[in-house]
Structure formats: C-alpha cells, structure tokens
Amino acid sequence: MRFAMKPRLRRIAAGLLATIAAAGSLVVSSAAPASADTYTSWRYLFNYATKHCLATDFSTSVYTFTGCDGPQRWRQQKLDAYPGTFMLQNEATGRCLKQQDFYRVISGSCDGSKVEFRWEASSEYSWVWSANTYGLLVTDFTHKVSLYNSATAPTNQGWFWKGTAGPPTSASASPAMRLVL
C-alpha cells in the first residue's frame, strides 16, 4: 500500500529522515576522527539585479544596501554533515541567514543542524536557495530580501561575492557558487 503525502510534507519527512540517519551515523561512527567545517573569507554578497549587498542587524532584519562597504560582509561555512549545503554568516553580527517561513528571511544564532540555516547555490546561474523549501533568495529595489517559491525562477536574481568595497568589477565580483567548497 502506498502512502500519499503532499509534496511539502514529503520534503519535510525526507529531511527528518535524513537528519535521523545523519545523527545515527554520528553515534555509530563516533570513533572516527571528526572532520571540521570549512569557511570562506569575509566578502560582500552582491545581488546582480539591484546591485545592492546583503546585510543584517541585531534585530534579525535582513535587507540589502547600496554601499557594499563596512562590516556587512558574509562568509560561507561548508557543512560537512550536510554535503552540498552551507551557512551564510554575517561579520558584523556573527548571526547567520535563516529561513523564517515560506517567504521571510531573518538572521539568527548559527546552527547548521537546523535545516532553516542551510543554503545551496547553483553552479550555473549563481542562484542561492533554501535547503529547506528550495525557495530562491531574492531582493528588490525596496531593499527587501525574501524567498521566491515558484516553478519559474527570475533569471536576474544571481548573487555574487565581492571582495572589496565600491562598485563591482570583473576582478572583484565572482559568482557565489564558485566559493562553495
């Protein structure tokens, strides 16, 4: 007999089973040496459509700003326990990007064991999406950052790493997915 589930519940159930399996393998393989997560350097995360950079504050708000300077840099933390995923940590607050619900993005205390903190990036278009619901990270000219959940993704919502302040140049901006280790 086949059990019918809605796609969202199926994804949640699959994530839960994967988490249980990962936890079980940690208990079984506790004698093996632990591998350390890896980090990239601090850089500005720049949106291709708006030319604004990702930012957050201590109130958990996530937004974009035009300056692309100061301590609003981010780094990726590759999560060895969850291959292909990473957390995005802000230098100014020490907080990580978190999916709050189906559309909202906030920052919170970093916890890679929670799927809401895990992100993935494409190798072709520099899109960044939630590993939880696969909502695409997007922004607009009002500086709002949110998740776009639709079968057809906007083609202009690429994110790029900028190593320096000021307008991006071909030397200072590179697709975000190239820094996923």
Protein backbone atom coordinates (compact mmCIF):
# COMPACT_ATOMS: atom_id res chain seq x y z
CA MET A 1 0.00 0.00 0.00
CA ARG A 2 1.36 3.41 -0.94
CA PHE A 3 1.06 6.33 1.47
CA ALA A 4 0.12 9.59 -0.31
CA MET A 5 1.64 12.78 1.03
CA LYS A 6 1.64 16.39 -0.18
CA PRO A 7 4.97 17.49 -1.71
CA ARG A 8 5.80 19.86 1.18
CA LEU A 9 5.14 17.14 3.78
CA ARG A 10 7.17 14.71 1.70
CA ARG A 11 10.14 17.15 1.74
CA ILE A 12 9.80 17.66 5.49
CA ALA A 13 9.59 13.91 6.08
CA ALA A 14 12.62 13.31 3.84
CA GLY A 15 14.58 15.98 5.72
CA LEU A 16 13.61 14.48 9.05
CA LEU A 17 14.66 11.00 7.93
CA ALA A 18 17.96 12.38 6.61
CA THR A 19 18.57 14.15 9.93
CA ILE A 20 17.81 10.98 11.89
CA ALA A 21 20.08 8.96 9.60
CA ALA A 22 22.88 11.52 9.97
CA ALA A 23 22.50 11.53 13.75
CA GLY A 24 22.55 7.74 13.82
CA SER A 25 25.69 7.62 11.71
CA LEU A 26 27.39 10.06 14.08
CA VAL A 27 26.67 7.75 17.01
CA VAL A 28 27.84 4.66 15.11
CA SER A 29 30.98 6.31 13.77
CA SER A 30 31.97 8.23 16.88
CA ALA A 31 35.37 6.52 16.98
CA ALA A 32 36.31 8.03 13.60
CA PRO A 33 38.07 11.41 13.63
CA ALA A 34 35.64 14.29 13.16
CA SER A 35 36.01 16.49 10.11
CA ALA A 36 35.94 20.25 10.56
CA ASP A 37 33.60 22.51 8.64
CA THR A 38 35.41 24.90 6.32
CA TYR A 39 34.94 28.66 5.94
CA THR A 40 35.49 31.11 3.11
CA SER A 41 36.90 34.58 3.66
CA TRP A 42 34.63 37.54 4.52
CA ARG A 43 33.15 39.15 1.40
CA TYR A 44 30.19 41.25 0.34
CA LEU A 45 27.27 39.31 -1.14
CA PHE A 46 26.13 41.40 -4.12
CA ASN A 47 22.81 40.99 -5.99
CA TYR A 48 23.01 41.10 -9.78
CA ALA A 49 19.52 42.63 -10.30
CA THR A 50 19.70 45.53 -7.81
CA LYS A 51 23.47 46.00 -7.46
CA HIS A 52 22.91 46.06 -3.65
CA CYS A 53 24.67 43.96 -0.99
CA LEU A 54 23.12 41.66 1.60
CA ALA A 55 23.06 42.95 5.20
CA THR A 56 21.55 42.21 8.61
CA ASP A 57 21.33 43.78 12.05
CA PHE A 58 20.83 42.68 15.64
CA SER A 59 17.03 42.96 15.30
CA THR A 60 17.23 39.96 12.90
CA SER A 61 16.18 42.05 9.86
CA VAL A 62 17.79 41.02 6.57
CA TYR A 63 17.91 43.60 3.79
CA THR A 64 20.17 44.95 1.06
CA PHE A 65 22.04 48.26 1.00
CA THR A 66 23.75 50.26 -1.73
CA GLY A 67 27.11 50.93 -0.06
CA CYS A 68 28.61 47.45 -0.13
CA ASP A 69 31.14 48.59 2.47
CA GLY A 70 31.81 48.35 6.19
CA PRO A 71 31.39 45.19 8.27
CA GLN A 72 28.37 43.86 6.35
CA ARG A 73 30.42 41.06 4.84
CA TRP A 74 29.43 37.40 4.83
CA ARG A 75 31.24 34.10 4.72
CA GLN A 76 30.14 30.61 3.80
CA GLN A 77 30.55 27.75 6.21
CA LYS A 78 30.51 24.47 4.32
CA LEU A 79 28.69 21.92 6.46
CA ASP A 80 30.46 18.57 6.31
CA ALA A 81 27.50 16.85 7.99
CA TYR A 82 25.21 18.07 5.18
CA PRO A 83 27.13 17.81 1.88
CA GLY A 84 26.33 20.48 -0.70
CA THR A 85 24.95 22.91 1.87
CA PHE A 86 26.42 25.86 3.71
CA MET A 87 25.53 28.56 6.22
CA LEU A 88 25.93 32.27 5.49
CA GLN A 89 27.37 34.13 8.50
CA ASN A 90 27.46 37.93 8.84
CA GLU A 91 30.68 39.53 10.08
CA ALA A 92 29.04 42.50 11.87
CA THR A 93 26.57 40.48 13.94
CA GLY A 94 28.01 36.96 13.92
CA ARG A 95 24.48 35.82 13.00
CA CYS A 96 23.55 33.51 10.13
CA LEU A 97 20.95 33.79 7.39
CA LYS A 98 17.84 31.81 8.35
CA GLN A 99 14.62 30.92 6.58
CA GLN A 100 11.85 32.09 8.94
CA ASP A 101 8.87 30.76 6.97
CA PHE A 102 7.90 30.11 3.36
CA TYR A 103 8.78 33.69 2.30
CA ARG A 104 10.64 35.50 5.10
CA VAL A 105 14.38 35.51 5.73
CA ILE A 106 15.92 36.68 9.02
CA SER A 107 19.23 36.28 10.84
CA GLY A 108 19.69 34.14 13.93
CA SER A 109 22.23 32.34 16.08
CA CYS A 110 24.09 29.99 13.72
CA ASP A 111 23.01 26.35 13.97
CA GLY A 112 23.83 24.17 10.97
CA SER A 113 21.97 21.24 12.49
CA LYS A 114 18.72 23.10 11.76
CA VAL A 115 17.64 23.00 8.11
CA GLU A 116 16.43 26.62 8.28
CA PHE A 117 20.08 27.76 8.36
CA ARG A 118 21.24 25.65 5.42
CA TRP A 119 21.59 27.06 1.90
CA GLU A 120 22.61 25.76 -1.51
CA ALA A 121 23.86 27.50 -4.65
CA SER A 122 23.71 26.63 -8.33
CA SER A 123 26.79 26.05 -10.40
CA GLU A 124 25.30 27.68 -13.48
CA TYR A 125 23.40 30.82 -12.50
CA SER A 126 24.67 31.84 -9.04
CA TRP A 127 21.23 31.38 -7.54
CA VAL A 128 21.09 30.80 -3.79
CA TRP A 129 18.17 28.87 -2.31
CA SER A 130 16.98 27.43 0.96
CA ALA A 131 17.89 23.79 1.51
CA ASN A 132 14.63 23.58 3.49
CA THR A 133 11.93 24.57 0.96
CA TYR A 134 14.10 25.40 -2.08
CA GLY A 135 12.83 29.00 -2.07
CA LEU A 136 15.14 31.23 -4.11
CA LEU A 137 16.86 34.09 -2.24
CA VAL A 138 15.72 37.32 -3.94
CA THR A 139 15.68 41.07 -3.34
CA ASP A 140 14.08 44.14 -4.89
CA PHE A 141 14.71 47.89 -5.09
CA THR A 142 12.93 48.46 -1.75
CA HIS A 143 15.85 46.54 -0.16
CA LYS A 144 13.54 43.71 0.93
CA VAL A 145 15.09 40.22 0.96
CA SER A 146 12.76 37.23 0.73
CA LEU A 147 12.31 33.76 -0.70
CA TYR A 148 10.72 33.24 -4.10
CA ASN A 149 8.79 29.97 -4.23
CA SER A 150 7.58 29.24 -7.73
CA ALA A 151 8.26 26.78 -10.53
CA THR A 152 9.69 29.57 -12.71
CA ALA A 153 12.59 31.41 -11.11
CA PRO A 154 13.50 35.00 -12.03
CA THR A 155 16.62 34.96 -14.19
CA ASN A 156 18.14 38.17 -12.80
CA GLN A 157 18.46 37.16 -9.14
CA GLY A 158 22.04 35.98 -9.13
CA TRP A 159 24.27 36.68 -6.11
CA PHE A 160 27.99 37.37 -6.42
CA TRP A 161 30.85 37.65 -3.96
CA LYS A 162 32.66 41.00 -3.88
CA GLY A 163 35.96 41.13 -2.09
CA THR A 164 36.24 44.92 -1.88
CA ALA A 165 34.01 47.93 -1.24
CA GLY A 166 32.65 50.03 -4.09
CA PRO A 167 31.11 49.05 -7.40
CA PRO A 168 31.90 45.53 -8.56
CA THR A 169 34.49 44.91 -11.20
CA SER A 170 35.19 41.72 -13.09
CA ALA A 171 38.17 41.21 -10.75
CA SER A 172 36.24 41.81 -7.51
CA ALA A 173 32.94 40.04 -8.29
CA SER A 174 32.57 36.35 -8.92
CA PRO A 175 29.55 34.06 -8.92
CA ALA A 176 28.58 32.99 -5.40
CA MET A 177 28.57 29.30 -6.23
CA ARG A 178 32.27 29.35 -7.11
CA LEU A 179 33.06 29.86 -3.43
CA VAL A 180 31.08 26.83 -2.32
CA LEU A 181 33.85 24.45 -1.37
